[in-house]
Amino acid sequence: MKDMKKAFITGITGQDGSFLVEFLLKKGYEVHGMIRRASTFNTSRIDHIFQDPHSINVRVFLHYGDLTDSGNITKLINQIKPDEVYHLGAQSHVRVSFDMPEYTADTDGLGTLRILEAIKNSGLPIKFYMASSSEMFGSSPPPQNEKTPFDPRSPYAVAKVFSYYATRFYREAYGIFACNGILFNHESERRGETFVTRKITRSIARIKAGLDKKLYLGNLKAKRDWGYAPEFVEAMYKILQHSEPDDFVIATGQMHSVEDFLQESFAYAGLGDWKKYVEIDPRYFRPAEVEVLQGDFSKAKEKLGWEPKTKFKDLVKIMVDADIKNLNNKQ
């Protein structure tokens, strides 16, 4: 147990956090995660790996904390003394960031600064991974790589740009092993239900079961580079195992529109023409749209030996099958 590596994950209860803790446990890590206090349980994605703290050889520990509380973050860093910090926690919904810009900036921007400052002041040789986002590229033309200029088009993206540069600054100014993973869209059966891909596959399950008749969406023309989340989590790990701290684009290099996702998923589910079920609701349009995101992951392939495996059609099948199964299990 003494030589076991320790990882500290913010956002451990999210899609990426849940896959990352599984991955790190297989690698032999002791994993600590920060969770926000809530009046209802919000750990459903990691309940299957929760370990009773009274058991022997426990390797998963949860700690209450918040990205807006610098004192608590500092305390956790000094208590846990992690070898690696994976900073995944955020207000991660782009559309919601337009409604809550100040909270998004405080959590997604200053939250990163608080962690970096805690690491710096701890004096410990901690490696830091920052979950940066393809949304930072905004209107910059594709394909986007590590040298593409940022042009953020949402409060979320603006906060992520702040975090990206804060991470680089602490690396260059203080010698911290701090890295950015600029991840393009990555989905899975654990994706939040308000994100467009999961919203589609969950609605398909409900339509097939006769529970819903319509699905309401916004911009169907937006094109995204969609990968499979467990593979992107492996890239996070590889970034922190690299010999030098650096920044990497993680993507599939393939681009599909929301309309493509609709067509593929409705056809796979045997529902036929998606246009019979989908209505456009203006409330789901963003004040400023990001039309096209397509990543160039050649640097990650060359330096990390990472590349995506799951194809777009297979991703759609995984998500549709999972939502149909989940609904059937509930009925």
Protein backbone atom coordinates (compact mmCIF):
# COMPACT_ATOMS: atom_id res chain seq x y z
CA MET A 1 0.00 0.00 0.00
CA LYS A 2 2.94 2.34 0.73
CA ASP A 3 4.17 2.48 -2.87
CA MET A 4 0.69 2.74 -4.33
CA LYS A 5 0.16 5.85 -6.45
CA LYS A 6 -2.52 8.27 -5.31
CA ALA A 7 -4.84 10.17 -7.66
CA PHE A 8 -7.18 13.00 -6.72
CA ILE A 9 -10.13 13.57 -9.07
CA THR A 10 -12.45 16.56 -9.13
CA GLY A 11 -15.70 15.77 -10.91
CA ILE A 12 -15.43 12.10 -9.93
CA THR A 13 -19.21 11.64 -10.09
CA GLY A 14 -19.42 12.80 -13.71
CA GLN A 15 -19.20 10.71 -16.87
CA ASP A 16 -15.42 11.09 -17.25
CA GLY A 17 -14.73 10.82 -13.54
CA SER A 18 -16.56 7.51 -13.26
CA PHE A 19 -14.63 5.98 -16.16
CA LEU A 20 -11.35 7.42 -14.88
CA VAL A 21 -11.70 5.95 -11.39
CA GLU A 22 -12.37 2.52 -12.93
CA PHE A 23 -9.31 2.90 -15.16
CA LEU A 24 -7.00 4.01 -12.33
CA LEU A 25 -8.15 1.23 -10.01
CA LYS A 26 -7.15 -1.29 -12.68
CA LYS A 27 -3.74 0.43 -12.77
CA GLY A 28 -3.37 -0.15 -9.03
CA TYR A 29 -4.02 3.41 -7.82
CA GLU A 30 -5.55 4.63 -4.60
CA VAL A 31 -8.22 7.10 -5.77
CA HIS A 32 -9.62 10.10 -3.94
CA GLY A 33 -12.53 12.08 -5.32
CA MET A 34 -14.09 15.40 -4.42
CA ILE A 35 -17.89 15.55 -4.34
CA ARG A 36 -20.26 18.40 -3.60
CA ARG A 37 -22.64 18.12 -0.68
CA ALA A 38 -26.24 17.70 -1.87
CA SER A 39 -29.54 16.79 -0.22
CA THR A 40 -29.95 13.89 -2.66
CA PHE A 41 -27.43 11.21 -3.63
CA ASN A 42 -25.45 12.23 -6.72
CA THR A 43 -23.01 9.33 -6.93
CA SER A 44 -24.99 6.98 -9.19
CA ARG A 45 -22.21 6.70 -11.78
CA ILE A 46 -19.71 5.42 -9.21
CA ASP A 47 -21.98 3.48 -6.82
CA HIS A 48 -20.82 0.19 -8.34
CA ILE A 49 -17.24 0.87 -7.27
CA PHE A 50 -17.91 2.48 -3.89
CA GLN A 51 -16.08 0.78 -1.05
CA ASP A 52 -17.13 0.86 2.59
CA PRO A 53 -14.43 2.89 4.38
CA HIS A 54 -14.47 0.28 7.16
CA SER A 55 -13.45 -2.51 4.79
CA ILE A 56 -9.91 -3.82 4.42
CA ASN A 57 -7.73 -2.59 1.51
CA VAL A 58 -10.04 0.27 0.57
CA ARG A 59 -8.76 2.17 -2.47
CA VAL A 60 -11.59 4.65 -3.19
CA PHE A 61 -12.21 7.62 -0.90
CA LEU A 62 -14.73 10.44 -1.33
CA HIS A 63 -14.29 13.89 0.21
CA TYR A 64 -16.75 16.76 0.40
CA GLY A 65 -15.54 19.92 -1.28
CA ASP A 66 -16.31 22.58 -3.85
CA LEU A 67 -14.32 24.32 -6.57
CA THR A 68 -15.40 27.69 -5.16
CA ASP A 69 -13.82 26.94 -1.75
CA SER A 70 -10.04 27.50 -1.88
CA GLY A 71 -9.51 26.68 1.81
CA ASN A 72 -11.08 23.26 1.44
CA ILE A 73 -9.16 22.52 -1.76
CA THR A 74 -5.89 23.42 -0.06
CA LYS A 75 -6.76 21.21 2.91
CA LEU A 76 -7.56 18.21 0.67
CA ILE A 77 -4.36 18.56 -1.37
CA ASN A 78 -2.25 18.68 1.80
CA GLN A 79 -4.12 15.80 3.46
CA ILE A 80 -4.23 13.43 0.49
CA LYS A 81 -0.79 14.29 -0.92
CA PRO A 82 -1.72 12.93 -4.36
CA ASP A 83 0.81 12.00 -7.03
CA GLU A 84 -1.63 13.10 -9.74
CA VAL A 85 -4.59 15.49 -9.84
CA TYR A 86 -7.18 15.08 -12.58
CA HIS A 87 -9.25 18.24 -12.69
CA LEU A 88 -12.51 17.26 -14.41
CA GLY A 89 -14.96 19.17 -12.22
CA ALA A 90 -16.89 22.01 -13.86
CA GLN A 91 -20.24 23.51 -14.70
CA SER A 92 -20.00 21.56 -17.93
CA HIS A 93 -23.15 22.43 -19.85
CA VAL A 94 -22.43 25.01 -22.55
CA ARG A 95 -26.02 26.21 -22.98
CA VAL A 96 -26.48 26.62 -19.22
CA SER A 97 -23.36 28.80 -19.07
CA PHE A 98 -25.26 31.56 -20.90
CA ASP A 99 -27.82 31.56 -18.08
CA MET A 100 -25.21 31.31 -15.28
CA PRO A 101 -22.12 33.10 -16.59
CA GLU A 102 -20.75 34.29 -13.25
CA TYR A 103 -21.10 30.90 -11.57
CA THR A 104 -19.54 29.22 -14.62
CA ALA A 105 -16.57 31.60 -14.54
CA ASP A 106 -16.09 31.12 -10.79
CA THR A 107 -16.28 27.32 -10.98
CA ASP A 108 -14.66 26.57 -14.33
CA GLY A 109 -12.12 29.40 -14.36
CA LEU A 110 -11.17 30.37 -10.82
CA GLY A 111 -11.73 26.79 -9.63
CA THR A 112 -8.71 25.74 -11.70
CA LEU A 113 -6.63 28.60 -10.32
CA ARG A 114 -7.47 27.53 -6.76
CA ILE A 115 -6.22 23.99 -7.40
CA LEU A 116 -3.04 25.15 -9.11
CA GLU A 117 -2.30 27.56 -6.28
CA ALA A 118 -2.86 24.78 -3.73
CA ILE A 119 -0.45 22.51 -5.61
CA LYS A 120 2.15 25.26 -5.86
CA ASN A 121 1.95 26.10 -2.16
CA SER A 122 2.03 22.44 -1.10
CA GLY A 123 5.56 22.06 -2.43
CA LEU A 124 4.69 18.49 -3.49
CA PRO A 125 5.74 17.07 -6.90
CA ILE A 126 2.12 16.71 -8.05
CA LYS A 127 1.23 16.16 -11.70
CA PHE A 128 -1.83 18.16 -12.80
CA TYR A 129 -4.25 17.37 -15.62
CA MET A 130 -6.63 20.10 -16.79
CA ALA A 131 -9.76 19.06 -18.69
CA SER A 132 -9.74 21.68 -21.41
CA SER A 133 -12.40 21.73 -24.11
CA SER A 134 -12.76 21.92 -27.89
CA GLU A 135 -15.35 24.65 -27.23
CA MET A 136 -12.37 26.98 -26.73
CA PHE A 137 -11.78 26.94 -30.50
CA GLY A 138 -15.23 28.37 -31.15
CA SER A 139 -15.35 29.84 -34.66
CA SER A 140 -11.79 28.88 -35.65
CA PRO A 141 -11.99 26.80 -38.86
CA PRO A 142 -11.40 23.03 -38.69
CA PRO A 143 -9.47 20.88 -38.33
CA GLN A 144 -8.34 22.29 -34.99
CA ASN A 145 -5.04 21.30 -33.36
CA GLU A 146 -2.76 22.54 -30.56
CA LYS A 147 -1.72 25.59 -32.62
CA THR A 148 -5.23 26.68 -33.64
CA PRO A 149 -6.16 30.07 -32.12
CA PHE A 150 -8.98 30.12 -29.58
CA ASP A 151 -12.18 32.00 -30.36
CA PRO A 152 -14.56 31.20 -27.47
CA ARG A 153 -18.29 31.61 -28.11
CA SER A 154 -19.80 30.97 -24.68
CA PRO A 155 -19.14 31.80 -21.02
CA TYR A 156 -18.17 28.15 -20.60
CA ALA A 157 -15.54 28.39 -23.34
CA VAL A 158 -14.22 31.71 -21.99
CA ALA A 159 -13.74 30.11 -18.54
CA LYS A 160 -12.00 27.11 -20.10
CA VAL A 161 -9.61 29.40 -22.01
CA PHE A 162 -8.74 31.06 -18.69
CA SER A 163 -8.05 27.63 -17.17
CA TYR A 164 -5.98 26.56 -20.16
CA TYR A 165 -3.67 29.56 -19.87
CA ALA A 166 -3.55 29.33 -16.07
CA THR A 167 -2.33 25.74 -16.44
CA ARG A 168 0.37 26.76 -18.92
CA PHE A 169 1.41 29.69 -16.74
CA TYR A 170 1.87 27.56 -13.61
CA ARG A 171 3.87 25.08 -15.68
CA GLU A 172 6.18 27.73 -17.10
CA ALA A 173 6.45 30.02 -14.06
CA TYR A 174 6.60 27.47 -11.23
CA GLY A 175 7.79 24.28 -12.90
CA ILE A 176 4.63 22.32 -12.09
CA PHE A 177 3.98 19.25 -14.24
CA ALA A 178 0.73 20.79 -15.51
CA CYS A 179 -0.95 19.61 -18.71
CA ASN A 180 -4.00 20.46 -20.79
CA GLY A 181 -6.03 17.79 -22.51
CA ILE A 182 -8.11 19.61 -25.15
CA LEU A 183 -10.83 17.02 -25.46
CA PHE A 184 -13.37 17.11 -28.24
CA ASN A 185 -16.89 15.82 -27.60
CA HIS A 186 -16.85 12.39 -25.99
CA GLU A 187 -20.02 10.51 -25.21
CA SER A 188 -21.14 7.26 -23.59
CA GLU A 189 -24.04 5.52 -21.93
CA ARG A 190 -23.18 7.57 -18.82
CA ARG A 191 -23.49 10.97 -20.52
CA GLY A 192 -25.72 13.48 -18.72
CA GLU A 193 -29.32 13.36 -19.89
CA THR A 194 -29.41 17.04 -20.94
CA PHE A 195 -26.52 16.69 -23.41
CA VAL A 196 -27.81 16.38 -26.97
CA THR A 197 -26.53 12.87 -27.76
CA ARG A 198 -27.92 11.32 -24.58
CA LYS A 199 -31.08 13.38 -24.91
CA ILE A 200 -31.61 11.77 -28.32
CA THR A 201 -30.90 8.17 -27.28
CA ARG A 202 -32.95 8.47 -24.09
CA SER A 203 -35.89 9.86 -26.08
CA ILE A 204 -35.61 7.00 -28.57
CA ALA A 205 -36.01 4.50 -25.73
CA ARG A 206 -39.06 6.37 -24.42
CA ILE A 207 -40.64 6.70 -27.88
CA LYS A 208 -40.18 2.98 -28.52
CA ALA A 209 -41.82 2.24 -25.17
CA GLY A 210 -44.78 4.51 -25.99
CA LEU A 211 -43.96 6.97 -23.22
CA ASP A 212 -43.12 9.95 -25.46
CA LYS A 213 -44.16 11.07 -28.92
CA LYS A 214 -41.82 14.01 -29.55
CA LEU A 215 -38.22 15.07 -29.01
CA TYR A 216 -37.44 18.81 -28.81
CA LEU A 217 -34.02 20.04 -29.96
CA GLY A 218 -32.21 23.21 -31.08
CA ASN A 219 -29.56 23.57 -33.78
CA LEU A 220 -29.44 20.38 -35.88
CA LYS A 221 -26.77 21.69 -38.26
CA ALA A 222 -23.98 21.94 -35.65
CA LYS A 223 -21.15 19.52 -36.46
CA ARG A 224 -19.09 17.84 -33.79
CA ASP A 225 -16.22 15.38 -33.42
CA TRP A 226 -17.77 12.65 -31.26
CA GLY A 227 -15.66 9.97 -29.54
CA TYR A 228 -16.18 7.35 -26.84
CA ALA A 229 -15.51 8.59 -23.30
CA PRO A 230 -13.62 5.56 -21.87
CA GLU A 231 -11.00 5.92 -24.62
CA PHE A 232 -10.60 9.63 -23.89
CA VAL A 233 -10.07 8.86 -20.21
CA GLU A 234 -7.14 6.63 -21.17
CA ALA A 235 -5.68 9.64 -23.02
CA MET A 236 -5.85 11.69 -19.81
CA TYR A 237 -3.74 9.07 -18.06
CA LYS A 238 -1.25 8.89 -20.92
CA ILE A 239 -0.84 12.69 -20.86
CA LEU A 240 0.33 12.59 -17.22
CA GLN A 241 2.66 9.64 -17.89
CA HIS A 242 4.41 11.50 -20.73
CA SER A 243 8.06 12.40 -20.08
CA GLU A 244 7.37 16.15 -20.27
CA PRO A 245 4.31 18.24 -19.37
CA ASP A 246 2.53 19.29 -22.54
CA ASP A 247 -0.85 20.07 -24.10
CA PHE A 248 -2.69 17.64 -26.39
CA VAL A 249 -5.78 17.62 -28.59
CA ILE A 250 -7.78 14.41 -28.08
CA ALA A 251 -10.32 13.71 -30.82
CA THR A 252 -11.39 11.25 -33.52
CA GLY A 253 -10.77 13.47 -36.55
CA GLN A 254 -14.28 12.63 -37.81
CA MET A 255 -17.12 15.15 -37.98
CA HIS A 256 -20.89 14.56 -37.85
CA SER A 257 -23.88 16.87 -37.44
CA VAL A 258 -26.64 16.54 -34.85
CA GLU A 259 -28.84 15.61 -37.81
CA ASP A 260 -26.42 12.75 -38.62
CA PHE A 261 -26.72 11.50 -35.04
CA LEU A 262 -30.50 11.62 -35.29
CA GLN A 263 -30.57 9.75 -38.56
CA GLU A 264 -28.17 7.05 -37.39
CA SER A 265 -29.78 6.49 -33.99
CA PHE A 266 -33.43 6.48 -35.12
CA ALA A 267 -32.62 4.12 -38.00
CA TYR A 268 -30.69 1.76 -35.70
CA ALA A 269 -33.61 1.70 -33.25
CA GLY A 270 -36.00 0.77 -36.05
CA LEU A 271 -38.08 3.95 -35.79
CA GLY A 272 -37.52 5.05 -39.39
CA ASP A 273 -37.54 8.73 -40.30
CA TRP A 274 -36.47 10.86 -37.32
CA LYS A 275 -38.32 13.88 -38.76
CA LYS A 276 -41.62 12.35 -37.62
CA TYR A 277 -40.55 12.71 -34.00
CA VAL A 278 -38.33 15.80 -33.76
CA GLU A 279 -39.52 19.39 -33.19
CA ILE A 280 -37.32 22.49 -33.04
CA ASP A 281 -37.56 24.56 -29.85
CA PRO A 282 -35.86 28.01 -30.05
CA ARG A 283 -35.01 27.92 -26.33
CA TYR A 284 -32.30 25.35 -27.11
CA PHE A 285 -30.43 27.64 -29.49
CA ARG A 286 -27.36 29.38 -28.06
CA PRO A 287 -26.94 33.18 -28.28
CA ALA A 288 -23.66 32.46 -30.12
CA GLU A 289 -23.28 29.16 -31.94
CA VAL A 290 -20.22 27.01 -32.59
CA GLU A 291 -20.96 25.44 -35.93
CA VAL A 292 -18.02 23.12 -36.65
CA LEU A 293 -15.53 21.29 -34.40
CA GLN A 294 -13.14 18.67 -35.78
CA GLY A 295 -9.95 17.72 -33.99
CA ASP A 296 -6.52 16.80 -35.29
CA PHE A 297 -5.09 14.28 -32.81
CA SER A 298 -1.83 13.61 -34.71
CA LYS A 299 0.34 14.96 -31.86
CA ALA A 300 -1.30 12.61 -29.33
CA LYS A 301 -0.84 9.71 -31.73
CA GLU A 302 2.84 10.50 -32.28
CA LYS A 303 3.89 11.35 -28.72
CA LEU A 304 1.46 9.31 -26.59
CA GLY A 305 0.66 6.41 -28.90
CA TRP A 306 -3.03 7.21 -28.47
CA GLU A 307 -5.73 6.97 -31.09
CA PRO A 308 -9.51 6.41 -30.98
CA LYS A 309 -10.98 2.98 -31.66
CA THR A 310 -14.77 3.32 -31.45
CA LYS A 311 -16.41 4.51 -34.66
CA PHE A 312 -19.35 6.91 -34.82
CA LYS A 313 -21.89 4.20 -35.73
CA ASP A 314 -20.69 1.98 -32.90
CA LEU A 315 -20.93 4.85 -30.41
CA VAL A 316 -24.55 5.42 -31.46
CA LYS A 317 -25.34 1.72 -31.01
CA ILE A 318 -23.75 1.62 -27.54
CA MET A 319 -25.83 4.58 -26.36
CA VAL A 320 -29.15 3.49 -27.92
CA ASP A 321 -28.81 -0.06 -26.61
CA ALA A 322 -27.96 1.17 -23.10
CA ASP A 323 -30.95 3.54 -22.87
CA ILE A 324 -33.39 0.92 -24.16
CA LYS A 325 -32.00 -1.58 -21.66
CA ASN A 326 -32.16 0.94 -18.79
CA LEU A 327 -35.78 1.75 -19.50
CA ASN A 328 -36.75 -1.89 -19.83
CA ASN A 329 -35.14 -2.63 -16.47
CA LYS A 330 -37.19 0.13 -14.82
CA GLN A 331 -40.51 -1.02 -16.24
